[in-house]
C-alpha atoms as a PDB file:
ATOM      1  CA  MET A   1     133.426  84.021  44.106  1.00  0.00           C
ATOM      2  CA  LYS A   2     132.765  82.012  47.215  1.00  0.00           C
ATOM      3  CA  ASP A   3     135.613  82.249  48.939  1.00  0.00           C
ATOM      4  CA  ILE A   4     135.929  85.540  48.467  1.00  0.00           C
ATOM      5  CA  GLY A   5     132.073  86.262  49.895  1.00  0.00           C
ATOM      6  CA  THR A   6     133.576  83.946  52.905  1.00  0.00           C
ATOM      7  CA  LYS A   7     136.322  86.912  53.366  1.00  0.00           C
ATOM      8  CA  ILE A   8     134.306  89.402  53.371  1.00  0.00           C
ATOM      9  CA  LYS A   9     131.747  87.689  55.725  1.00  0.00           C
ATOM     10  CA  LEU A  10     134.617  87.043  58.278  1.00  0.00           C
ATOM     11  CA  LEU A  11     136.025  90.581  58.174  1.00  0.00           C
ATOM     12  CA  ARG A  12     132.469  91.785  58.683  1.00  0.00           C
ATOM     13  CA  ILE A  13     131.879  89.954  61.319  1.00  0.00           C
ATOM     14  CA  LYS A  14     135.364  90.664  63.054  1.00  0.00           C
ATOM     15  CA  GLU A  15     134.723  94.485  62.806  1.00  0.00           C
ATOM     16  CA  GLN A  16     130.884  93.647  64.315  1.00  0.00           C
ATOM     17  CA  LYS A  17     129.156  95.222  61.235  1.00  0.00           C
ATOM     18  CA  ARG A  18     125.647  93.869  60.369  1.00  0.00           C
ATOM     19  CA  GLN A  19     124.629  92.859  56.607  1.00  0.00           C
ATOM     20  CA  SER A  20     122.485  95.993  56.309  1.00  0.00           C
ATOM     21  CA  HIS A  21     125.804  98.395  57.499  1.00  0.00           C
ATOM     22  CA  LEU A  22     127.144  96.756  54.614  1.00  0.00           C
ATOM     23  CA  ALA A  23     124.217  96.729  51.948  1.00  0.00           C
ATOM     24  CA  ASP A  24     123.632 100.610  53.258  1.00  0.00           C
ATOM     25  CA  ALA A  25     126.921 101.627  52.618  1.00  0.00           C
ATOM     26  CA  LEU A  26     126.607  99.646  49.045  1.00  0.00           C
ATOM     27  CA  GLY A  27     122.740 100.992  48.093  1.00  0.00           C
ATOM     28  CA  ILE A  28     122.077  97.969  47.600  1.00  0.00           C
ATOM     29  CA  SER A  29     119.662  95.564  49.727  1.00  0.00           C
ATOM     30  CA  VAL A  30     120.366  93.487  52.245  1.00  0.00           C
ATOM     31  CA  PRO A  31     118.961  90.302  50.444  1.00  0.00           C
ATOM     32  CA  ALA A  32     121.390  91.083  47.623  1.00  0.00           C
ATOM     33  CA  TYR A  33     124.527  91.802  50.310  1.00  0.00           C
ATOM     34  CA  SER A  34     123.806  88.275  51.415  1.00  0.00           C
ATOM     35  CA  LYS A  35     123.751  86.430  47.916  1.00  0.00           C
ATOM     36  CA  ILE A  36     127.667  88.741  47.766  1.00  0.00           C
ATOM     37  CA  GLU A  37     128.708  86.676  51.139  1.00  0.00           C
ATOM     38  CA  THR A  38     127.211  83.526  50.264  1.00  0.00           C
ATOM     39  CA  GLY A  39     128.557  83.580  47.033  1.00  0.00           C
ATOM     40  CA  ILE A  40     125.529  83.248  45.279  1.00  0.00           C
ATOM     41  CA  THR A  41     126.150  86.674  43.176  1.00  0.00           C
ATOM     42  CA  ASP A  42     129.485  87.135  41.751  1.00  0.00           C
ATOM     43  CA  ILE A  43     131.144  90.431  42.767  1.00  0.00           C
ATOM     44  CA  ASN A  44     132.578  92.842  39.850  1.00  0.00           C
ATOM     45  CA  THR A  45     135.806  94.580  40.686  1.00  0.00           C
ATOM     46  CA  SER A  46     133.955  98.123  41.564  1.00  0.00           C
ATOM     47  CA  ARG A  47     131.795  96.635  44.055  1.00  0.00           C
ATOM     48  CA  LEU A  48     135.141  94.714  45.743  1.00  0.00           C
ATOM     49  CA  ARG A  49     136.616  98.238  45.552  1.00  0.00           C
ATOM     50  CA  GLU A  50     133.639  99.631  47.300  1.00  0.00           C
ATOM     51  CA  ILE A  51     133.791  96.948  49.985  1.00  0.00           C
ATOM     52  CA  ALA A  52     137.561  96.956  50.712  1.00  0.00           C
ATOM     53  CA  LYS A  53     137.537 100.938  50.808  1.00  0.00           C
ATOM     54  CA  TYR A  54     134.470 100.436  53.486  1.00  0.00           C
ATOM     55  CA  PHE A  55     136.819  97.938  55.515  1.00  0.00           C
ATOM     56  CA  ASN A  56     140.040 100.305  54.877  1.00  0.00           C
ATOM     57  CA  VAL A  57     141.888  96.868  52.913  1.00  0.00           C
ATOM     58  CA  THR A  58     143.486  96.763  49.609  1.00  0.00           C
ATOM     59  CA  PRO A  59     141.377  94.518  47.373  1.00  0.00           C
ATOM     60  CA  SER A  60     144.191  92.055  47.299  1.00  0.00           C
ATOM     61  CA  TYR A  61     143.306  91.244  50.786  1.00  0.00           C
ATOM     62  CA  PHE A  62     139.938  89.071  49.695  1.00  0.00           C
ATOM     63  CA  PHE A  63     142.938  86.825  47.874  1.00  0.00           C
ATOM     64  CA  GLU A  64     145.138  86.136  50.298  1.00  0.00           C
ATOM     65  CA  ASP A  65     144.828  83.174  52.393  1.00  0.00           C
ATOM     66  CA  LEU A  66     141.928  81.582  50.629  1.00  0.00           C
ATOM     67  CA  ASP A  67     143.440  78.155  51.262  1.00  0.00           C
ATOM     68  CA  SER A  68     144.321  78.429  54.541  1.00  0.00           C
ATOM     69  CA  ILE A  69     140.624  79.426  55.213  1.00  0.00           C
ATOM     70  CA  LYS A  70     138.998  76.623  53.375  1.00  0.00           C
ATOM     71  CA  GLU A  71     141.442  74.101  55.406  1.00  0.00           C
ATOM     72  CA  GLU A  72     140.348  75.746  58.638  1.00  0.00           C
ATOM     73  CA  LEU A  73     136.517  75.336  57.527  1.00  0.00           C
ATOM     74  CA  LYS A  74     137.121  71.900  56.843  1.00  0.00           C
ATOM     75  CA  LEU A  75     138.645  71.295  59.756  1.00  0.00           C
ATOM     76  CA  GLN A  76     135.738  72.858  61.939  1.00  0.00           C
ATOM     77  CA  LYS A  77     133.263  70.570  59.747  1.00  0.00           C
ATOM     78  CA  GLU A  78     134.891  67.423  60.806  1.00  0.00           C
ATOM     79  CA  LEU A  79     135.068  68.473  64.383  1.00  0.00           C
ATOM     80  CA  VAL A  80     131.393  68.925  64.486  1.00  0.00           C
ATOM     81  CA  ASN A  81     131.172  65.849  62.938  1.00  0.00           C
ATOM     82  CA  VAL A  82     133.034  64.028  65.533  1.00  0.00           C
ATOM     83  CA  LEU A  83     131.565  65.825  68.363  1.00  0.00           C
ATOM     84  CA  SER A  84     128.209  65.134  66.896  1.00  0.00           C
ATOM     85  CA  THR A  85     129.009  61.239  66.380  1.00  0.00           C
ATOM     86  CA  LYS A  86     129.977  61.294  70.561  1.00  0.00           C
ATOM     87  CA  LEU A  87     127.118  63.371  71.638  1.00  0.00           C
ATOM     88  CA  ILE A  88     124.608  60.421  69.450  1.00  0.00           C
ATOM     89  CA  ALA A  89     126.667  57.533  71.200  1.00  0.00           C
ATOM     90  CA  ALA A  90     126.117  59.247  74.952  1.00  0.00           C
ATOM     91  CA  LEU A  91     122.652  59.934  74.486  1.00  0.00           C
ATOM     92  CA  GLU A  92     122.050  56.697  72.825  1.00  0.00           C
ATOM     93  CA  PHE A  93     123.880  55.134  75.867  1.00  0.00           C
ATOM     94  CA  LYS A  94     122.135  57.082  78.357  1.00  0.00           C
ATOM     95  CA  ASN A  95     118.456  56.042  76.881  1.00  0.00           C
ATOM     96  CA  THR A  96     119.647  52.199  77.312  1.00  0.00           C
ATOM     97  CA  LEU A  97     120.042  52.994  81.593  1.00  0.00           C
END
């Protein structure tokens, strides 16, 4: 369910909402809501419907394009690794001068 949590988080950020907004709307604590986004807590269908209603999307929205999101995250992680390696090399070179 981590993938669904990721989609919920991305939608929340896109809509410029805080976790506290969603937690209040769902009647749960912020830590409980955070566990939904991180995939620590599995989300049941009724809760998913509540979240979908909050964002004015269908519950099926959270199951669409999961593979493309995974691929995008993988590419972003690879980019961070490459940039980190280059930054470390540049700093090491600077220290030898």
